[in-house]
Amino acid sequence: QLYLRGDWQSLYTFTLDEAQPSDYQMMNFFYSQSPESPFRQQRICTRAAPDFRASLVDRELKIRRADGTTTAQLTADAAYEQALATYFGLRLPVPAT
């Protein structure tokens, strides 16, 4: 769930139905191979931490906390790399392009 504007919003639902490997094959193929997949069109990184939720899509960083959301455009490579290190614990071996 996500706490937004004073209310909890469900993000996912689950059932007790058994999933088969074939249930995932087409989804996996699409998301890993299709040029239309968002994972092939942009860089995406997300993290749910105890006190914040971070998302980085290409160069837009969003940090959601209980008291609101901040958004930043990371136009400089150094700012992009710093966000990866600070919010996601990732360090790039070479500068981002």
PDB file of N, CA and C in Angstrom:
ATOM      1  N   GLN A   1       0.824  -1.177   0.000  1.00  0.00           N
ATOM      2  CA  GLN A   1       0.000   0.000   0.000  1.00  0.00           C
ATOM      3  C   GLN A   1       0.869   1.241   0.000  1.00  0.00           C
ATOM      4  N   LEU A   2       0.239   2.342  -0.370  1.00  0.00           N
ATOM      5  CA  LEU A   2       0.896   3.639  -0.409  1.00  0.00           C
ATOM      6  C   LEU A   2       0.026   4.626   0.349  1.00  0.00           C
ATOM      7  N   TYR A   3       0.633   5.329   1.302  1.00  0.00           N
ATOM      8  CA  TYR A   3      -0.101   6.331   2.076  1.00  0.00           C
ATOM      9  C   TYR A   3      -0.070   7.632   1.297  1.00  0.00           C
ATOM     10  N   LEU A   4      -1.216   8.079   0.820  1.00  0.00           N
ATOM     11  CA  LEU A   4      -1.290   9.233  -0.053  1.00  0.00           C
ATOM     12  C   LEU A   4      -2.442  10.127   0.357  1.00  0.00           C
ATOM     13  N   ARG A   5      -2.135  11.385   0.640  1.00  0.00           N
ATOM     14  CA  ARG A   5      -3.146  12.376   1.023  1.00  0.00           C
ATOM     15  C   ARG A   5      -4.012  11.901   2.189  1.00  0.00           C
ATOM     16  N   GLY A   6      -3.379  11.314   3.194  1.00  0.00           N
ATOM     17  CA  GLY A   6      -4.091  10.915   4.404  1.00  0.00           C
ATOM     18  C   GLY A   6      -4.858   9.620   4.317  1.00  0.00           C
ATOM     19  N   ASP A   7      -4.650   8.835   3.252  1.00  0.00           N
ATOM     20  CA  ASP A   7      -5.389   7.580   3.099  1.00  0.00           C
ATOM     21  C   ASP A   7      -4.473   6.522   2.486  1.00  0.00           C
ATOM     22  N   TRP A   8      -4.681   5.266   2.867  1.00  0.00           N
ATOM     23  CA  TRP A   8      -3.915   4.155   2.307  1.00  0.00           C
ATOM     24  C   TRP A   8      -4.555   3.699   1.002  1.00  0.00           C
ATOM     25  N   GLN A   9      -3.754   3.610  -0.048  1.00  0.00           N
ATOM     26  CA  GLN A   9      -4.212   3.158  -1.359  1.00  0.00           C
ATOM     27  C   GLN A   9      -3.564   1.807  -1.658  1.00  0.00           C
ATOM     28  N   SER A  10      -4.374   0.818  -2.050  1.00  0.00           N
ATOM     29  CA  SER A  10      -3.831  -0.492  -2.414  1.00  0.00           C
ATOM     30  C   SER A  10      -3.117  -0.396  -3.752  1.00  0.00           C
ATOM     31  N   LEU A  11      -1.953  -1.033  -3.840  1.00  0.00           N
ATOM     32  CA  LEU A  11      -1.189  -1.067  -5.080  1.00  0.00           C
ATOM     33  C   LEU A  11      -1.299  -2.420  -5.770  1.00  0.00           C
ATOM     34  N   TYR A  12      -1.486  -3.476  -4.994  1.00  0.00           N
ATOM     35  CA  TYR A  12      -1.521  -4.825  -5.537  1.00  0.00           C
ATOM     36  C   TYR A  12      -2.597  -5.627  -4.822  1.00  0.00           C
ATOM     37  N   THR A  13      -3.061  -6.676  -5.466  1.00  0.00           N
ATOM     38  CA  THR A  13      -3.943  -7.637  -4.816  1.00  0.00           C
ATOM     39  C   THR A  13      -3.363  -9.028  -5.042  1.00  0.00           C
ATOM     40  N   PHE A  14      -3.690  -9.940  -4.157  1.00  0.00           N
ATOM     41  CA  PHE A  14      -3.159 -11.293  -4.226  1.00  0.00           C
ATOM     42  C   PHE A  14      -4.293 -12.291  -4.037  1.00  0.00           C
ATOM     43  N   THR A  15      -4.104 -13.476  -4.596  1.00  0.00           N
ATOM     44  CA  THR A  15      -5.047 -14.572  -4.380  1.00  0.00           C
ATOM     45  C   THR A  15      -4.254 -15.792  -3.950  1.00  0.00           C
ATOM     46  N   LEU A  16      -4.958 -16.814  -3.526  1.00  0.00           N
ATOM     47  CA  LEU A  16      -4.316 -18.075  -3.153  1.00  0.00           C
ATOM     48  C   LEU A  16      -4.276 -19.053  -4.323  1.00  0.00           C
ATOM     49  N   ASP A  17      -4.685 -18.612  -5.521  1.00  0.00           N
ATOM     50  CA  ASP A  17      -4.628 -19.473  -6.699  1.00  0.00           C
ATOM     51  C   ASP A  17      -3.175 -19.824  -7.010  1.00  0.00           C
ATOM     52  N   GLU A  18      -2.945 -21.090  -7.339  1.00  0.00           N
ATOM     53  CA  GLU A  18      -1.595 -21.529  -7.666  1.00  0.00           C
ATOM     54  C   GLU A  18      -1.193 -21.004  -9.040  1.00  0.00           C
ATOM     55  N   ALA A  19      -0.015 -20.427  -9.131  1.00  0.00           N
ATOM     56  CA  ALA A  19       0.503 -19.933 -10.404  1.00  0.00           C
ATOM     57  C   ALA A  19       1.424 -20.983 -11.009  1.00  0.00           C
ATOM     58  N   GLN A  20       1.331 -21.141 -12.298  1.00  0.00           N
ATOM     59  CA  GLN A  20       2.161 -22.090 -13.032  1.00  0.00           C
ATOM     60  C   GLN A  20       3.262 -21.317 -13.768  1.00  0.00           C
ATOM     61  N   PRO A  21       4.399 -21.965 -14.039  1.00  0.00           N
ATOM     62  CA  PRO A  21       5.453 -21.274 -14.793  1.00  0.00           C
ATOM     63  C   PRO A  21       4.948 -20.681 -16.110  1.00  0.00           C
ATOM     64  N   SER A  22       4.024 -21.366 -16.753  1.00  0.00           N
ATOM     65  CA  SER A  22       3.500 -20.851 -18.022  1.00  0.00           C
ATOM     66  C   SER A  22       2.754 -19.530 -17.840  1.00  0.00           C
ATOM     67  N   ASP A  23       2.275 -19.262 -16.619  1.00  0.00           N
ATOM     68  CA  ASP A  23       1.599 -17.990 -16.352  1.00  0.00           C
ATOM     69  C   ASP A  23       2.558 -16.811 -16.506  1.00  0.00           C
ATOM     70  N   TYR A  24       3.832 -17.061 -16.359  1.00  0.00           N
ATOM     71  CA  TYR A  24       4.827 -15.992 -16.388  1.00  0.00           C
ATOM     72  C   TYR A  24       5.598 -15.904 -17.701  1.00  0.00           C
ATOM     73  N   GLN A  25       5.546 -16.943 -18.516  1.00  0.00           N
ATOM     74  CA  GLN A  25       6.388 -16.993 -19.706  1.00  0.00           C
ATOM     75  C   GLN A  25       6.130 -15.846 -20.681  1.00  0.00           C
ATOM     76  N   MET A  26       4.883 -15.599 -21.031  1.00  0.00           N
ATOM     77  CA  MET A  26       4.594 -14.532 -21.990  1.00  0.00           C
ATOM     78  C   MET A  26       4.892 -13.156 -21.402  1.00  0.00           C
ATOM     79  N   MET A  27       4.535 -12.969 -20.127  1.00  0.00           N
ATOM     80  CA  MET A  27       4.834 -11.678 -19.501  1.00  0.00           C
ATOM     81  C   MET A  27       6.338 -11.434 -19.479  1.00  0.00           C
ATOM     82  N   ASN A  28       7.103 -12.447 -19.099  1.00  0.00           N
ATOM     83  CA  ASN A  28       8.549 -12.309 -19.047  1.00  0.00           C
ATOM     84  C   ASN A  28       9.108 -12.012 -20.432  1.00  0.00           C
ATOM     85  N   PHE A  29       8.617 -12.730 -21.432  1.00  0.00           N
ATOM     86  CA  PHE A  29       9.105 -12.502 -22.792  1.00  0.00           C
ATOM     87  C   PHE A  29       8.827 -11.067 -23.222  1.00  0.00           C
ATOM     88  N   PHE A  30       7.602 -10.608 -23.006  1.00  0.00           N
ATOM     89  CA  PHE A  30       7.263  -9.240 -23.409  1.00  0.00           C
ATOM     90  C   PHE A  30       8.160  -8.224 -22.717  1.00  0.00           C
ATOM     91  N   TYR A  31       8.233  -8.289 -21.401  1.00  0.00           N
ATOM     92  CA  TYR A  31       8.977  -7.271 -20.660  1.00  0.00           C
ATOM     93  C   TYR A  31      10.479  -7.327 -20.908  1.00  0.00           C
ATOM     94  N   SER A  32      11.003  -8.481 -21.285  1.00  0.00           N
ATOM     95  CA  SER A  32      12.443  -8.568 -21.516  1.00  0.00           C
ATOM     96  C   SER A  32      12.831  -8.365 -22.977  1.00  0.00           C
ATOM     97  N   GLN A  33      11.899  -8.572 -23.924  1.00  0.00           N
ATOM     98  CA  GLN A  33      12.274  -8.550 -25.337  1.00  0.00           C
ATOM     99  C   GLN A  33      11.573  -7.503 -26.197  1.00  0.00           C
ATOM    100  N   SER A  34      10.366  -7.147 -25.884  1.00  0.00           N
ATOM    101  CA  SER A  34       9.595  -6.259 -26.753  1.00  0.00           C
ATOM    102  C   SER A  34      10.145  -4.834 -26.733  1.00  0.00           C
ATOM    103  N   PRO A  35      10.302  -4.223 -27.904  1.00  0.00           N
ATOM    104  CA  PRO A  35      10.699  -2.810 -27.941  1.00  0.00           C
ATOM    105  C   PRO A  35       9.660  -1.898 -27.282  1.00  0.00           C
ATOM    106  N   GLU A  36       8.429  -2.378 -27.136  1.00  0.00           N
ATOM    107  CA  GLU A  36       7.368  -1.592 -26.504  1.00  0.00           C
ATOM    108  C   GLU A  36       7.391  -1.679 -24.979  1.00  0.00           C
ATOM    109  N   SER A  37       8.187  -2.575 -24.434  1.00  0.00           N
ATOM    110  CA  SER A  37       8.265  -2.724 -22.985  1.00  0.00           C
ATOM    111  C   SER A  37       8.870  -1.472 -22.357  1.00  0.00           C
ATOM    112  N   PRO A  38       8.270  -0.993 -21.269  1.00  0.00           N
ATOM    113  CA  PRO A  38       8.860   0.178 -20.608  1.00  0.00           C
ATOM    114  C   PRO A  38      10.280  -0.084 -20.112  1.00  0.00           C
ATOM    115  N   PHE A  39      10.613  -1.343 -19.853  1.00  0.00           N
ATOM    116  CA  PHE A  39      11.952  -1.673 -19.363  1.00  0.00           C
ATOM    117  C   PHE A  39      12.995  -1.639 -20.477  1.00  0.00           C
ATOM    118  N   ARG A  40      12.556  -1.613 -21.720  1.00  0.00           N
ATOM    119  CA  ARG A  40      13.467  -1.485 -22.855  1.00  0.00           C
ATOM    120  C   ARG A  40      13.538  -0.047 -23.356  1.00  0.00           C
ATOM    121  N   GLN A  41      12.599   0.789 -22.928  1.00  0.00           N
ATOM    122  CA  GLN A  41      12.531   2.163 -23.416  1.00  0.00           C
ATOM    123  C   GLN A  41      13.159   3.175 -22.467  1.00  0.00           C
ATOM    124  N   GLN A  42      13.311   2.807 -21.211  1.00  0.00           N
ATOM    125  CA  GLN A  42      13.820   3.760 -20.227  1.00  0.00           C
ATOM    126  C   GLN A  42      14.517   3.024 -19.096  1.00  0.00           C
ATOM    127  N   ARG A  43      15.312   3.761 -18.359  1.00  0.00           N
ATOM    128  CA  ARG A  43      15.954   3.189 -17.175  1.00  0.00           C
ATOM    129  C   ARG A  43      14.998   3.367 -16.002  1.00  0.00           C
ATOM    130  N   ILE A  44      14.768   2.287 -15.257  1.00  0.00           N
ATOM    131  CA  ILE A  44      13.818   2.313 -14.143  1.00  0.00           C
ATOM    132  C   ILE A  44      14.466   1.691 -12.916  1.00  0.00           C
ATOM    133  N   CYS A  45      14.329   2.383 -11.790  1.00  0.00           N
ATOM    134  CA  CYS A  45      14.837   1.868 -10.523  1.00  0.00           C
ATOM    135  C   CYS A  45      13.852   2.281  -9.431  1.00  0.00           C
ATOM    136  N   THR A  46      13.452   1.342  -8.575  1.00  0.00           N
ATOM    137  CA  THR A  46      12.546   1.667  -7.470  1.00  0.00           C
ATOM    138  C   THR A  46      13.049   1.017  -6.191  1.00  0.00           C
ATOM    139  N   ARG A  47      12.664   1.620  -5.074  1.00  0.00           N
ATOM    140  CA  ARG A  47      13.024   1.058  -3.767  1.00  0.00           C
ATOM    141  C   ARG A  47      11.976   1.475  -2.744  1.00  0.00           C
ATOM    142  N   ALA A  48      11.496   0.501  -1.993  1.00  0.00           N
ATOM    143  CA  ALA A  48      10.602   0.773  -0.866  1.00  0.00           C
ATOM    144  C   ALA A  48      11.416   0.604   0.406  1.00  0.00           C
ATOM    145  N   ALA A  49      11.643   1.689   1.112  1.00  0.00           N
ATOM    146  CA  ALA A  49      12.387   1.685   2.372  1.00  0.00           C
ATOM    147  C   ALA A  49      11.402   1.928   3.514  1.00  0.00           C
ATOM    148  N   PRO A  50      11.812   1.713   4.757  1.00  0.00           N
ATOM    149  CA  PRO A  50      10.880   1.911   5.879  1.00  0.00           C
ATOM    150  C   PRO A  50      10.279   3.313   5.956  1.00  0.00           C
ATOM    151  N   ASP A  51      11.048   4.346   5.596  1.00  0.00           N
ATOM    152  CA  ASP A  51      10.527   5.712   5.738  1.00  0.00           C
ATOM    153  C   ASP A  51      10.328   6.459   4.423  1.00  0.00           C
ATOM    154  N   PHE A  52      10.582   5.807   3.283  1.00  0.00           N
ATOM    155  CA  PHE A  52      10.346   6.459   1.996  1.00  0.00           C
ATOM    156  C   PHE A  52      10.211   5.421   0.890  1.00  0.00           C
ATOM    157  N   ARG A  53       9.688   5.877  -0.227  1.00  0.00           N
ATOM    158  CA  ARG A  53       9.626   5.077  -1.444  1.00  0.00           C
ATOM    159  C   ARG A  53      10.272   5.930  -2.527  1.00  0.00           C
ATOM    160  N   ALA A  54      11.289   5.385  -3.191  1.00  0.00           N
ATOM    161  CA  ALA A  54      12.019   6.125  -4.213  1.00  0.00           C
ATOM    162  C   ALA A  54      11.789   5.494  -5.576  1.00  0.00           C
ATOM    163  N   SER A  55      11.655   6.340  -6.585  1.00  0.00           N
ATOM    164  CA  SER A  55      11.591   5.851  -7.958  1.00  0.00           C
ATOM    165  C   SER A  55      12.422   6.776  -8.840  1.00  0.00           C
ATOM    166  N   LEU A  56      13.157   6.165  -9.732  1.00  0.00           N
ATOM    167  CA  LEU A  56      13.991   6.895 -10.676  1.00  0.00           C
ATOM    168  C   LEU A  56      13.663   6.355 -12.058  1.00  0.00           C
ATOM    169  N   VAL A  57      13.049   7.184 -12.884  1.00  0.00           N
ATOM    170  CA  VAL A  57      12.700   6.805 -14.251  1.00  0.00           C
ATOM    171  C   VAL A  57      13.454   7.755 -15.166  1.00  0.00           C
ATOM    172  N   ASP A  58      14.401   7.180 -15.903  1.00  0.00           N
ATOM    173  CA  ASP A  58      15.365   7.973 -16.649  1.00  0.00           C
ATOM    174  C   ASP A  58      15.999   8.974 -15.685  1.00  0.00           C
ATOM    175  N   ARG A  59      15.749  10.234 -15.826  1.00  0.00           N
ATOM    176  CA  ARG A  59      16.404  11.221 -14.952  1.00  0.00           C
ATOM    177  C   ARG A  59      15.435  11.937 -14.019  1.00  0.00           C
ATOM    178  N   GLU A  60      14.235  11.375 -13.848  1.00  0.00           N
ATOM    179  CA  GLU A  60      13.280  11.961 -12.904  1.00  0.00           C
ATOM    180  C   GLU A  60      13.266  11.138 -11.618  1.00  0.00           C
ATOM    181  N   LEU A  61      13.650  11.773 -10.530  1.00  0.00           N
ATOM    182  CA  LEU A  61      13.685  11.138  -9.214  1.00  0.00           C
ATOM    183  C   LEU A  61      12.474  11.592  -8.410  1.00  0.00           C
ATOM    184  N   LYS A  62      11.728  10.629  -7.856  1.00  0.00           N
ATOM    185  CA  LYS A  62      10.612  10.940  -6.959  1.00  0.00           C
ATOM    186  C   LYS A  62      10.868  10.245  -5.632  1.00  0.00           C
ATOM    187  N   ILE A  63      10.739  10.999  -4.561  1.00  0.00           N
ATOM    188  CA  ILE A  63      10.856  10.462  -3.212  1.00  0.00           C
ATOM    189  C   ILE A  63       9.524  10.713  -2.521  1.00  0.00           C
ATOM    190  N   ARG A  64       8.848   9.628  -2.133  1.00  0.00           N
ATOM    191  CA  ARG A  64       7.570   9.738  -1.430  1.00  0.00           C
ATOM    192  C   ARG A  64       7.793   9.420   0.037  1.00  0.00           C
ATOM    193  N   ARG A  65       7.338  10.315   0.876  1.00  0.00           N
ATOM    194  CA  ARG A  65       7.377  10.132   2.328  1.00  0.00           C
ATOM    195  C   ARG A  65       5.977  10.370   2.858  1.00  0.00           C
ATOM    196  N   ALA A  66       5.761  10.089   4.129  1.00  0.00           N
ATOM    197  CA  ALA A  66       4.434  10.257   4.724  1.00  0.00           C
ATOM    198  C   ALA A  66       3.928  11.687   4.590  1.00  0.00           C
ATOM    199  N   ASP A  67       4.842  12.659   4.584  1.00  0.00           N
ATOM    200  CA  ASP A  67       4.420  14.062   4.534  1.00  0.00           C
ATOM    201  C   ASP A  67       4.384  14.650   3.124  1.00  0.00           C
ATOM    202  N   GLY A  68       4.639  13.837   2.103  1.00  0.00           N
ATOM    203  CA  GLY A  68       4.540  14.344   0.737  1.00  0.00           C
ATOM    204  C   GLY A  68       5.591  13.781  -0.195  1.00  0.00           C
ATOM    205  N   THR A  69       5.554  14.249  -1.429  1.00  0.00           N
ATOM    206  CA  THR A  69       6.435  13.776  -2.488  1.00  0.00           C
ATOM    207  C   THR A  69       7.303  14.915  -3.001  1.00  0.00           C
ATOM    208  N   THR A  70       8.577  14.611  -3.217  1.00  0.00           N
ATOM    209  CA  THR A  70       9.467  15.560  -3.878  1.00  0.00           C
ATOM    210  C   THR A  70       9.902  14.962  -5.207  1.00  0.00           C
ATOM    211  N   THR A  71      10.036  15.811  -6.199  1.00  0.00           N
ATOM    212  CA  THR A  71      10.439  15.390  -7.536  1.00  0.00           C
ATOM    213  C   THR A  71      11.613  16.244  -7.981  1.00  0.00           C
ATOM    214  N   ALA A  72      12.591  15.601  -8.621  1.00  0.00           N
ATOM    215  CA  ALA A  72      13.754  16.334  -9.129  1.00  0.00           C
ATOM    216  C   ALA A  72      14.141  15.784 -10.493  1.00  0.00           C
ATOM    217  N   GLN A  73      14.535  16.679 -11.388  1.00  0.00           N
ATOM    218  CA  GLN A  73      15.087  16.298 -12.685  1.00  0.00           C
ATOM    219  C   GLN A  73      16.608  16.287 -12.544  1.00  0.00           C
ATOM    220  N   LEU A  74      17.205  15.127 -12.739  1.00  0.00           N
ATOM    221  CA  LEU A  74      18.652  14.972 -12.544  1.00  0.00           C
ATOM    222  C   LEU A  74      19.359  15.120 -13.888  1.00  0.00           C
ATOM    223  N   THR A  75      19.601  16.344 -14.292  1.00  0.00           N
ATOM    224  CA  THR A  75      20.182  16.589 -15.610  1.00  0.00           C
ATOM    225  C   THR A  75      21.687  16.335 -15.650  1.00  0.00           C
ATOM    226  N   ALA A  76      22.362  16.512 -14.543  1.00  0.00           N
ATOM    227  CA  ALA A  76      23.814  16.289 -14.492  1.00  0.00           C
ATOM    228  C   ALA A  76      24.109  14.829 -14.155  1.00  0.00           C
ATOM    229  N   ASP A  77      25.114  14.273 -14.804  1.00  0.00           N
ATOM    230  CA  ASP A  77      25.502  12.890 -14.531  1.00  0.00           C
ATOM    231  C   ASP A  77      25.860  12.683 -13.065  1.00  0.00           C
ATOM    232  N   ALA A  78      26.551  13.654 -12.469  1.00  0.00           N
ATOM    233  CA  ALA A  78      26.954  13.521 -11.063  1.00  0.00           C
ATOM    234  C   ALA A  78      25.734  13.426 -10.152  1.00  0.00           C
ATOM    235  N   ALA A  79      24.685  14.194 -10.429  1.00  0.00           N
ATOM    236  CA  ALA A  79      23.459  14.141  -9.619  1.00  0.00           C
ATOM    237  C   ALA A  79      22.759  12.798  -9.788  1.00  0.00           C
ATOM    238  N   TYR A  80      22.757  12.269 -11.008  1.00  0.00           N
ATOM    239  CA  TYR A  80      22.157  10.961 -11.285  1.00  0.00           C
ATOM    240  C   TYR A  80      22.886   9.870 -10.499  1.00  0.00           C
ATOM    241  N   GLU A  81      24.204   9.878 -10.577  1.00  0.00           N
ATOM    242  CA  GLU A  81      25.005   8.877  -9.871  1.00  0.00           C
ATOM    243  C   GLU A  81      24.849   9.004  -8.360  1.00  0.00           C
ATOM    244  N   GLN A  82      24.760  10.230  -7.853  1.00  0.00           N
ATOM    245  CA  GLN A  82      24.573  10.445  -6.415  1.00  0.00           C
ATOM    246  C   GLN A  82      23.220   9.904  -5.965  1.00  0.00           C
ATOM    247  N   ALA A  83      22.181  10.100  -6.756  1.00  0.00           N
ATOM    248  CA  ALA A  83      20.853   9.574  -6.413  1.00  0.00           C
ATOM    249  C   ALA A  83      20.867   8.050  -6.392  1.00  0.00           C
ATOM    250  N   LEU A  84      21.525   7.429  -7.363  1.00  0.00           N
ATOM    251  CA  LEU A  84      21.626   5.966  -7.366  1.00  0.00           C
ATOM    252  C   LEU A  84      22.307   5.467  -6.097  1.00  0.00           C
ATOM    253  N   ALA A  85      23.362   6.136  -5.685  1.00  0.00           N
ATOM    254  CA  ALA A  85      24.097   5.727  -4.484  1.00  0.00           C
ATOM    255  C   ALA A  85      23.291   5.992  -3.216  1.00  0.00           C
ATOM    256  N   THR A  86      22.699   7.172  -3.113  1.00  0.00           N
ATOM    257  CA  THR A  86      22.005   7.587  -1.891  1.00  0.00           C
ATOM    258  C   THR A  86      20.714   6.819  -1.653  1.00  0.00           C
ATOM    259  N   TYR A  87      19.876   6.716  -2.665  1.00  0.00           N
ATOM    260  CA  TYR A  87      18.538   6.144  -2.475  1.00  0.00           C
ATOM    261  C   TYR A  87      18.433   4.664  -2.821  1.00  0.00           C
ATOM    262  N   PHE A  88      19.358   4.150  -3.658  1.00  0.00           N
ATOM    263  CA  PHE A  88      19.241   2.768  -4.113  1.00  0.00           C
ATOM    264  C   PHE A  88      20.446   1.906  -3.754  1.00  0.00           C
ATOM    265  N   GLY A  89      21.489   2.503  -3.178  1.00  0.00           N
ATOM    266  CA  GLY A  89      22.671   1.740  -2.796  1.00  0.00           C
ATOM    267  C   GLY A  89      23.454   1.214  -3.985  1.00  0.00           C
ATOM    268  N   LEU A  90      23.368   1.893  -5.128  1.00  0.00           N
ATOM    269  CA  LEU A  90      24.033   1.449  -6.354  1.00  0.00           C
ATOM    270  C   LEU A  90      25.148   2.411  -6.733  1.00  0.00           C
ATOM    271  N   ARG A  91      26.270   1.846  -7.142  1.00  0.00           N
ATOM    272  CA  ARG A  91      27.384   2.657  -7.631  1.00  0.00           C
ATOM    273  C   ARG A  91      27.739   2.154  -9.028  1.00  0.00           C
ATOM    274  N   LEU A  92      27.748   3.074  -9.983  1.00  0.00           N
ATOM    275  CA  LEU A  92      28.065   2.713 -11.361  1.00  0.00           C
ATOM    276  C   LEU A  92      29.568   2.597 -11.546  1.00  0.00           C
ATOM    277  N   PRO A  93      30.028   1.599 -12.308  1.00  0.00           N
ATOM    278  CA  PRO A  93      31.462   1.460 -12.534  1.00  0.00           C
ATOM    279  C   PRO A  93      32.005   2.516 -13.493  1.00  0.00           C
ATOM    280  N   VAL A  94      31.128   3.084 -14.330  1.00  0.00           N
ATOM    281  CA  VAL A  94      31.519   4.146 -15.268  1.00  0.00           C
ATOM    282  C   VAL A  94      30.480   5.254 -15.175  1.00  0.00           C
ATOM    283  N   PRO A  95      30.831   6.477 -15.569  1.00  0.00           N
ATOM    284  CA  PRO A  95      29.849   7.568 -15.509  1.00  0.00           C
ATOM    285  C   PRO A  95      28.608   7.268 -16.342  1.00  0.00           C
ATOM    286  N   ALA A  96      27.447   7.717 -15.860  1.00  0.00           N
ATOM    287  CA  ALA A  96      26.188   7.551 -16.592  1.00  0.00           C
ATOM    288  C   ALA A  96      26.196   8.441 -17.821  1.00  0.00           C
ATOM    289  N   THR A  97      25.530   7.954 -18.873  1.00  0.00           N
ATOM    290  CA  THR A  97      25.427   8.771 -20.091  1.00  0.00           C
ATOM    291  C   THR A  97      23.994   9.043 -20.417  1.00  0.00           C
TER     292      THR A  97
END
